[in-house]
N, C-alpha and C. Protein backbone atom coordinates (compact mmCIF):
# COMPACT_ATOMS: atom_id res chain seq x y z
N MET A 1 29.01 -21.99 -9.56
CA MET A 1 28.09 -21.16 -8.80
C MET A 1 28.61 -20.93 -7.39
N SER A 2 29.85 -21.27 -7.13
CA SER A 2 30.38 -21.12 -5.78
C SER A 2 30.45 -19.67 -5.34
N SER A 3 30.45 -18.72 -6.27
CA SER A 3 30.53 -17.32 -5.88
C SER A 3 29.16 -16.75 -5.49
N ILE A 4 28.08 -17.48 -5.71
CA ILE A 4 26.73 -17.00 -5.39
C ILE A 4 26.48 -17.17 -3.89
N GLN A 5 26.04 -16.09 -3.27
CA GLN A 5 25.67 -16.12 -1.85
C GLN A 5 24.20 -15.76 -1.72
N ILE A 6 23.46 -16.54 -0.96
CA ILE A 6 22.05 -16.26 -0.69
C ILE A 6 21.99 -15.57 0.67
N ARG A 7 21.29 -14.46 0.73
CA ARG A 7 21.23 -13.70 1.98
C ARG A 7 19.83 -13.14 2.19
N ARG A 8 19.34 -13.29 3.42
CA ARG A 8 18.08 -12.65 3.79
C ARG A 8 18.38 -11.21 4.17
N LEU A 9 17.63 -10.28 3.61
CA LEU A 9 17.82 -8.87 3.93
C LEU A 9 17.00 -8.51 5.16
N LEU A 10 17.62 -7.77 6.04
CA LEU A 10 17.00 -7.30 7.28
C LEU A 10 17.15 -5.78 7.33
N PRO A 11 16.46 -5.11 8.25
CA PRO A 11 16.66 -3.67 8.37
C PRO A 11 18.15 -3.34 8.52
N GLY A 12 18.61 -2.35 7.78
CA GLY A 12 20.01 -2.00 7.76
C GLY A 12 20.76 -2.57 6.57
N ASP A 13 20.14 -3.51 5.85
CA ASP A 13 20.78 -4.13 4.69
C ASP A 13 20.41 -3.45 3.37
N GLU A 14 19.75 -2.31 3.44
CA GLU A 14 19.28 -1.63 2.22
C GLU A 14 20.43 -1.38 1.23
N TYR A 15 21.62 -1.09 1.74
CA TYR A 15 22.78 -0.80 0.90
C TYR A 15 23.10 -1.94 -0.06
N LEU A 16 22.71 -3.16 0.29
CA LEU A 16 23.01 -4.30 -0.58
C LEU A 16 22.29 -4.19 -1.92
N LEU A 17 21.25 -3.37 -1.98
CA LEU A 17 20.52 -3.20 -3.24
C LEU A 17 21.01 -1.98 -4.01
N ASP A 18 22.20 -1.49 -3.68
CA ASP A 18 22.77 -0.38 -4.45
C ASP A 18 23.23 -0.83 -5.83
N ILE A 19 23.61 -2.11 -5.95
CA ILE A 19 24.07 -2.65 -7.24
C ILE A 19 23.22 -3.87 -7.56
N VAL A 20 22.29 -3.71 -8.52
CA VAL A 20 21.36 -4.77 -8.90
C VAL A 20 21.45 -5.01 -10.40
N ALA A 21 21.60 -6.24 -10.80
CA ALA A 21 21.63 -6.61 -12.22
C ALA A 21 20.28 -6.32 -12.87
N ALA A 22 20.28 -6.26 -14.18
CA ALA A 22 19.07 -5.96 -14.94
C ALA A 22 18.00 -7.03 -14.75
N ASP A 23 16.76 -6.58 -14.65
CA ASP A 23 15.57 -7.45 -14.65
C ASP A 23 15.44 -8.35 -13.43
N VAL A 24 16.09 -7.99 -12.32
CA VAL A 24 15.89 -8.74 -11.09
C VAL A 24 14.56 -8.35 -10.47
N PHE A 25 14.25 -7.07 -10.50
CA PHE A 25 12.97 -6.55 -10.00
C PHE A 25 12.16 -6.03 -11.18
N ASP A 26 10.85 -5.94 -11.01
CA ASP A 26 9.98 -5.46 -12.08
C ASP A 26 10.17 -3.97 -12.35
N GLU A 27 10.44 -3.20 -11.31
CA GLU A 27 10.58 -1.76 -11.43
C GLU A 27 11.77 -1.29 -10.59
N ALA A 28 12.07 -0.02 -10.66
CA ALA A 28 13.17 0.54 -9.86
C ALA A 28 12.82 0.41 -8.37
N ILE A 29 13.84 0.19 -7.57
CA ILE A 29 13.65 0.06 -6.12
C ILE A 29 13.42 1.44 -5.53
N ASP A 30 12.35 1.56 -4.75
CA ASP A 30 12.03 2.80 -4.04
C ASP A 30 12.59 2.68 -2.63
N PRO A 31 13.51 3.55 -2.24
CA PRO A 31 14.15 3.43 -0.92
C PRO A 31 13.16 3.40 0.25
N ALA A 32 12.12 4.21 0.21
CA ALA A 32 11.14 4.22 1.31
C ALA A 32 10.37 2.90 1.37
N ARG A 33 10.00 2.38 0.21
CA ARG A 33 9.29 1.10 0.18
C ARG A 33 10.19 -0.04 0.65
N LEU A 34 11.46 0.01 0.24
CA LEU A 34 12.41 -1.01 0.67
C LEU A 34 12.55 -1.00 2.19
N LYS A 35 12.73 0.17 2.76
CA LYS A 35 12.89 0.30 4.20
C LYS A 35 11.65 -0.23 4.93
N ALA A 36 10.47 0.13 4.44
CA ALA A 36 9.22 -0.33 5.06
C ALA A 36 9.08 -1.85 4.95
N CYS A 37 9.44 -2.40 3.81
CA CYS A 37 9.36 -3.86 3.60
C CYS A 37 10.26 -4.59 4.58
N LEU A 38 11.50 -4.16 4.68
CA LEU A 38 12.44 -4.84 5.55
C LEU A 38 12.07 -4.70 7.02
N ALA A 39 11.36 -3.64 7.38
CA ALA A 39 10.96 -3.42 8.77
C ALA A 39 9.65 -4.12 9.12
N SER A 40 8.93 -4.63 8.14
CA SER A 40 7.62 -5.23 8.38
C SER A 40 7.74 -6.67 8.84
N PRO A 41 7.21 -6.99 10.02
CA PRO A 41 7.24 -8.40 10.46
C PRO A 41 6.50 -9.28 9.46
N GLY A 42 7.06 -10.43 9.22
CA GLY A 42 6.42 -11.38 8.31
C GLY A 42 6.83 -11.22 6.86
N HIS A 43 7.48 -10.11 6.52
CA HIS A 43 7.97 -9.94 5.15
C HIS A 43 9.35 -10.58 5.04
N LEU A 44 9.57 -11.32 3.98
CA LEU A 44 10.84 -11.98 3.74
C LEU A 44 11.39 -11.53 2.40
N LEU A 45 12.64 -11.13 2.37
CA LEU A 45 13.29 -10.79 1.11
C LEU A 45 14.68 -11.41 1.12
N PHE A 46 14.91 -12.33 0.20
CA PHE A 46 16.20 -12.96 0.03
C PHE A 46 16.78 -12.50 -1.30
N VAL A 47 18.09 -12.34 -1.34
CA VAL A 47 18.77 -11.99 -2.58
C VAL A 47 19.90 -12.97 -2.82
N ALA A 48 20.27 -13.09 -4.08
CA ALA A 48 21.46 -13.83 -4.48
C ALA A 48 22.49 -12.79 -4.91
N LEU A 49 23.66 -12.87 -4.28
CA LEU A 49 24.74 -11.94 -4.56
C LEU A 49 25.85 -12.65 -5.32
N ASP A 50 26.36 -11.99 -6.34
CA ASP A 50 27.52 -12.48 -7.08
C ASP A 50 28.54 -11.35 -7.06
N ASP A 51 29.57 -11.51 -6.26
CA ASP A 51 30.62 -10.50 -6.12
C ASP A 51 30.03 -9.13 -5.76
N GLY A 52 29.08 -9.13 -4.83
CA GLY A 52 28.49 -7.89 -4.33
C GLY A 52 27.32 -7.35 -5.14
N GLN A 53 27.03 -7.93 -6.27
CA GLN A 53 25.91 -7.50 -7.11
C GLN A 53 24.72 -8.41 -6.88
N VAL A 54 23.54 -7.81 -6.70
CA VAL A 54 22.31 -8.60 -6.57
C VAL A 54 21.92 -9.09 -7.97
N VAL A 55 21.87 -10.42 -8.12
CA VAL A 55 21.56 -11.01 -9.42
C VAL A 55 20.21 -11.72 -9.42
N ALA A 56 19.60 -11.85 -8.23
CA ALA A 56 18.30 -12.51 -8.13
C ALA A 56 17.68 -12.16 -6.78
N GLN A 57 16.36 -12.33 -6.71
CA GLN A 57 15.65 -12.06 -5.47
C GLN A 57 14.42 -12.95 -5.37
N ALA A 58 14.01 -13.16 -4.13
CA ALA A 58 12.76 -13.88 -3.87
C ALA A 58 12.12 -13.23 -2.64
N ALA A 59 10.85 -12.94 -2.76
CA ALA A 59 10.12 -12.28 -1.68
C ALA A 59 8.94 -13.14 -1.27
N GLY A 60 8.63 -13.11 0.02
CA GLY A 60 7.50 -13.85 0.53
C GLY A 60 6.93 -13.18 1.76
N MET A 61 5.80 -13.70 2.20
CA MET A 61 5.14 -13.18 3.39
C MET A 61 4.61 -14.34 4.21
N ILE A 62 4.69 -14.18 5.53
CA ILE A 62 4.10 -15.15 6.44
C ILE A 62 2.67 -14.70 6.72
N HIS A 63 1.71 -15.56 6.40
CA HIS A 63 0.30 -15.28 6.69
C HIS A 63 -0.10 -16.06 7.94
N ARG A 64 -0.52 -15.33 8.93
CA ARG A 64 -0.98 -15.96 10.17
C ARG A 64 -2.50 -15.88 10.20
N HIS A 65 -3.12 -16.97 10.62
CA HIS A 65 -4.58 -17.06 10.65
C HIS A 65 -5.04 -17.42 12.07
N VAL A 66 -6.27 -17.10 12.37
CA VAL A 66 -6.82 -17.47 13.67
C VAL A 66 -7.43 -18.86 13.67
N ASP A 67 -7.71 -19.40 12.48
CA ASP A 67 -8.43 -20.67 12.41
C ASP A 67 -7.69 -21.77 11.67
N LYS A 68 -6.47 -21.50 11.22
CA LYS A 68 -5.71 -22.53 10.51
C LYS A 68 -4.22 -22.22 10.65
N PRO A 69 -3.38 -23.19 10.29
CA PRO A 69 -1.94 -22.98 10.45
C PRO A 69 -1.42 -21.82 9.60
N SER A 70 -0.32 -21.25 10.05
CA SER A 70 0.35 -20.20 9.28
C SER A 70 0.83 -20.78 7.95
N GLU A 71 0.94 -19.91 6.96
CA GLU A 71 1.40 -20.34 5.64
C GLU A 71 2.35 -19.30 5.07
N LEU A 72 3.22 -19.75 4.19
CA LEU A 72 4.14 -18.88 3.49
C LEU A 72 3.58 -18.60 2.11
N TYR A 73 3.45 -17.33 1.78
CA TYR A 73 3.06 -16.92 0.43
C TYR A 73 4.32 -16.46 -0.28
N VAL A 74 4.67 -17.11 -1.38
CA VAL A 74 5.81 -16.72 -2.20
C VAL A 74 5.30 -15.68 -3.19
N ASP A 75 5.76 -14.45 -3.02
CA ASP A 75 5.25 -13.34 -3.81
C ASP A 75 5.98 -13.18 -5.14
N GLU A 76 7.30 -13.26 -5.11
CA GLU A 76 8.06 -13.03 -6.33
C GLU A 76 9.36 -13.82 -6.31
N VAL A 77 9.79 -14.21 -7.49
CA VAL A 77 11.13 -14.75 -7.70
C VAL A 77 11.62 -14.12 -9.00
N GLY A 78 12.76 -13.47 -8.94
CA GLY A 78 13.30 -12.82 -10.13
C GLY A 78 14.79 -13.07 -10.24
N VAL A 79 15.22 -13.52 -11.42
CA VAL A 79 16.64 -13.78 -11.68
C VAL A 79 17.02 -13.03 -12.95
N SER A 80 18.10 -12.26 -12.87
CA SER A 80 18.59 -11.55 -14.05
C SER A 80 18.88 -12.56 -15.15
N PRO A 81 18.51 -12.25 -16.40
CA PRO A 81 18.69 -13.22 -17.50
C PRO A 81 20.10 -13.81 -17.60
N ALA A 82 21.13 -13.02 -17.33
CA ALA A 82 22.50 -13.52 -17.45
C ALA A 82 22.83 -14.58 -16.40
N TRP A 83 22.02 -14.69 -15.36
CA TRP A 83 22.27 -15.67 -14.28
C TRP A 83 21.21 -16.78 -14.24
N GLN A 84 20.31 -16.81 -15.21
CA GLN A 84 19.26 -17.82 -15.21
C GLN A 84 19.82 -19.20 -15.58
N ARG A 85 19.08 -20.23 -15.18
CA ARG A 85 19.39 -21.64 -15.48
C ARG A 85 20.69 -22.09 -14.81
N ARG A 86 20.93 -21.54 -13.61
CA ARG A 86 22.10 -21.94 -12.82
C ARG A 86 21.68 -22.49 -11.45
N GLY A 87 20.38 -22.63 -11.23
CA GLY A 87 19.91 -23.15 -9.95
C GLY A 87 19.71 -22.09 -8.88
N ILE A 88 19.88 -20.83 -9.23
CA ILE A 88 19.76 -19.75 -8.24
C ILE A 88 18.33 -19.63 -7.74
N ALA A 89 17.37 -19.74 -8.61
CA ALA A 89 15.96 -19.64 -8.18
C ALA A 89 15.63 -20.75 -7.19
N ASN A 90 16.15 -21.94 -7.41
CA ASN A 90 15.94 -23.05 -6.47
C ASN A 90 16.56 -22.74 -5.11
N LEU A 91 17.76 -22.16 -5.10
CA LEU A 91 18.40 -21.79 -3.84
C LEU A 91 17.56 -20.76 -3.09
N LEU A 92 17.01 -19.81 -3.81
CA LEU A 92 16.16 -18.79 -3.19
C LEU A 92 14.87 -19.40 -2.65
N MET A 93 14.28 -20.32 -3.41
CA MET A 93 13.06 -21.00 -2.93
C MET A 93 13.38 -21.81 -1.68
N ASP A 94 14.52 -22.49 -1.67
CA ASP A 94 14.93 -23.25 -0.48
C ASP A 94 15.03 -22.32 0.73
N ALA A 95 15.62 -21.15 0.54
CA ALA A 95 15.78 -20.19 1.64
C ALA A 95 14.42 -19.69 2.13
N LEU A 96 13.52 -19.38 1.20
CA LEU A 96 12.17 -18.95 1.60
C LEU A 96 11.45 -20.05 2.37
N PHE A 97 11.51 -21.28 1.86
CA PHE A 97 10.82 -22.40 2.51
C PHE A 97 11.39 -22.64 3.91
N ALA A 98 12.70 -22.55 4.05
CA ALA A 98 13.32 -22.73 5.36
C ALA A 98 12.86 -21.65 6.34
N ALA A 99 12.80 -20.41 5.87
CA ALA A 99 12.32 -19.32 6.73
C ALA A 99 10.86 -19.54 7.09
N GLY A 100 10.07 -20.03 6.16
CA GLY A 100 8.67 -20.33 6.45
C GLY A 100 8.54 -21.41 7.51
N ARG A 101 9.33 -22.47 7.38
CA ARG A 101 9.31 -23.53 8.39
C ARG A 101 9.70 -22.99 9.76
N GLU A 102 10.76 -22.17 9.81
CA GLU A 102 11.21 -21.58 11.07
C GLU A 102 10.11 -20.71 11.71
N ALA A 103 9.26 -20.12 10.87
CA ALA A 103 8.18 -19.27 11.37
C ALA A 103 6.93 -20.08 11.72
N GLY A 104 7.00 -21.40 11.57
CA GLY A 104 5.87 -22.26 11.93
C GLY A 104 4.88 -22.50 10.81
N CYS A 105 5.24 -22.16 9.59
CA CYS A 105 4.34 -22.40 8.45
C CYS A 105 4.28 -23.88 8.12
N GLU A 106 3.09 -24.34 7.80
CA GLU A 106 2.90 -25.73 7.41
C GLU A 106 2.78 -25.90 5.89
N GLU A 107 2.50 -24.81 5.20
CA GLU A 107 2.37 -24.84 3.75
C GLU A 107 2.97 -23.58 3.15
N ALA A 108 3.32 -23.69 1.87
CA ALA A 108 3.71 -22.53 1.08
C ALA A 108 2.87 -22.55 -0.19
N TRP A 109 2.53 -21.36 -0.66
CA TRP A 109 1.76 -21.30 -1.90
C TRP A 109 2.22 -20.10 -2.73
N LEU A 110 1.93 -20.16 -4.00
CA LEU A 110 2.28 -19.08 -4.92
C LEU A 110 1.40 -19.19 -6.14
N GLY A 111 1.45 -18.19 -6.95
CA GLY A 111 0.70 -18.19 -8.20
C GLY A 111 1.56 -17.62 -9.31
N THR A 112 1.29 -18.02 -10.53
CA THR A 112 1.95 -17.44 -11.69
C THR A 112 0.99 -17.50 -12.86
N GLU A 113 1.31 -16.75 -13.87
CA GLU A 113 0.47 -16.72 -15.06
C GLU A 113 0.59 -18.04 -15.81
N PRO A 114 -0.51 -18.50 -16.43
CA PRO A 114 -0.46 -19.78 -17.15
C PRO A 114 0.60 -19.81 -18.25
N ASP A 115 0.90 -18.66 -18.86
CA ASP A 115 1.87 -18.64 -19.96
C ASP A 115 3.30 -18.35 -19.51
N ASN A 116 3.54 -18.27 -18.20
CA ASN A 116 4.89 -18.05 -17.69
C ASN A 116 5.57 -19.42 -17.56
N LEU A 117 5.99 -19.94 -18.69
CA LEU A 117 6.52 -21.29 -18.75
C LEU A 117 7.82 -21.48 -17.95
N PRO A 118 8.75 -20.53 -17.95
CA PRO A 118 9.95 -20.73 -17.12
C PRO A 118 9.61 -20.85 -15.63
N ALA A 119 8.71 -20.02 -15.14
CA ALA A 119 8.33 -20.10 -13.72
C ALA A 119 7.62 -21.42 -13.44
N ARG A 120 6.73 -21.81 -14.32
CA ARG A 120 6.00 -23.06 -14.11
C ARG A 120 6.96 -24.25 -14.12
N ALA A 121 7.97 -24.21 -14.99
CA ALA A 121 8.95 -25.30 -15.02
C ALA A 121 9.70 -25.37 -13.69
N LEU A 122 10.09 -24.20 -13.16
CA LEU A 122 10.77 -24.16 -11.86
C LEU A 122 9.89 -24.77 -10.79
N TYR A 123 8.64 -24.34 -10.71
CA TYR A 123 7.75 -24.80 -9.65
C TYR A 123 7.39 -26.27 -9.82
N ASP A 124 7.23 -26.73 -11.05
CA ASP A 124 6.92 -28.14 -11.30
C ASP A 124 8.08 -29.05 -10.91
N ARG A 125 9.31 -28.57 -11.04
CA ARG A 125 10.49 -29.38 -10.73
C ARG A 125 10.76 -29.48 -9.24
N ARG A 126 10.19 -28.60 -8.45
CA ARG A 126 10.47 -28.62 -7.01
C ARG A 126 10.08 -29.97 -6.43
N LYS A 127 10.86 -30.46 -5.50
CA LYS A 127 10.63 -31.79 -4.93
C LYS A 127 9.52 -31.81 -3.91
N GLU A 128 8.98 -30.67 -3.52
CA GLU A 128 8.05 -30.61 -2.41
C GLU A 128 6.58 -30.35 -2.74
N PRO A 129 6.16 -30.23 -4.00
CA PRO A 129 4.75 -29.89 -4.20
C PRO A 129 3.82 -30.96 -3.62
N ALA A 130 2.72 -30.49 -3.05
CA ALA A 130 1.74 -31.40 -2.45
C ALA A 130 0.83 -32.02 -3.50
N GLY A 131 0.88 -31.54 -4.69
CA GLY A 131 0.04 -32.06 -5.76
C GLY A 131 0.20 -31.19 -7.00
N PRO A 132 -0.61 -31.44 -8.02
CA PRO A 132 -0.51 -30.66 -9.25
C PRO A 132 -0.98 -29.22 -9.04
N ALA A 133 -0.59 -28.35 -9.94
CA ALA A 133 -0.99 -26.95 -9.87
C ALA A 133 -2.51 -26.83 -9.87
N GLU A 134 -3.00 -25.89 -9.10
CA GLU A 134 -4.44 -25.63 -9.03
C GLU A 134 -4.76 -24.42 -9.88
N THR A 135 -6.00 -24.32 -10.28
CA THR A 135 -6.46 -23.11 -10.96
C THR A 135 -7.25 -22.28 -9.96
N PHE A 136 -7.21 -20.97 -10.12
CA PHE A 136 -7.99 -20.10 -9.26
C PHE A 136 -8.32 -18.82 -10.01
N VAL A 137 -9.26 -18.10 -9.50
CA VAL A 137 -9.67 -16.83 -10.09
C VAL A 137 -9.08 -15.72 -9.23
N MET A 138 -8.42 -14.77 -9.86
CA MET A 138 -7.81 -13.67 -9.13
C MET A 138 -8.56 -12.38 -9.42
N TYR A 139 -8.80 -11.60 -8.39
CA TYR A 139 -9.41 -10.28 -8.52
C TYR A 139 -8.37 -9.27 -8.10
N LEU A 140 -8.26 -8.18 -8.83
CA LEU A 140 -7.32 -7.12 -8.52
C LEU A 140 -8.11 -5.83 -8.32
N TYR A 141 -7.92 -5.19 -7.20
CA TYR A 141 -8.61 -3.94 -6.88
C TYR A 141 -7.61 -2.81 -6.79
N ASP A 142 -7.92 -1.69 -7.40
CA ASP A 142 -7.09 -0.50 -7.34
C ASP A 142 -7.42 0.26 -6.07
N LEU A 143 -6.47 0.36 -5.15
CA LEU A 143 -6.67 1.05 -3.90
C LEU A 143 -6.07 2.44 -3.90
N GLY A 144 -5.50 2.86 -5.02
CA GLY A 144 -4.92 4.20 -5.11
C GLY A 144 -5.99 5.26 -5.20
N GLU A 145 -5.56 6.51 -5.22
CA GLU A 145 -6.51 7.62 -5.34
C GLU A 145 -7.35 7.44 -6.59
N GLY A 146 -8.63 7.60 -6.42
CA GLY A 146 -9.55 7.45 -7.54
C GLY A 146 -9.85 6.02 -7.90
N GLY A 147 -9.26 5.07 -7.16
CA GLY A 147 -9.51 3.65 -7.43
C GLY A 147 -10.86 3.24 -6.90
N SER A 148 -11.30 2.07 -7.32
CA SER A 148 -12.59 1.56 -6.88
C SER A 148 -12.52 1.11 -5.43
N THR A 149 -13.63 1.09 -4.78
CA THR A 149 -13.68 0.62 -3.38
C THR A 149 -14.69 -0.48 -3.25
């Protein structure tokens, strides 16, 4: 895995996503959304590069509160199937956690589907969990045109 490089993307790094392996992201990358994401304070996007190709990614956000410490929300971790089970997801999580610590976060949190066993195995193996996985109820609201308000 010595050829794998972990890199945080910043404004101006959009070109690094010109070559992306299959199934790293859920959908095609939208250039305008990418530019907005990289320009947004508190948004974190790390990629794993193998010889110039993006083979994995991890995204997170810094949540700042007025009444409690800042926290890191891990939004996504995606590794192309051909590069899975090589420790790349752990390297990306390490990079996100380090960026969260640098931003003053005291905790990190994430969620995944109960049947996403590979993700749960990754998260269960991490050396830093504060305790067992919690259950929660998630609500999703459509904010697009014609969506509910």
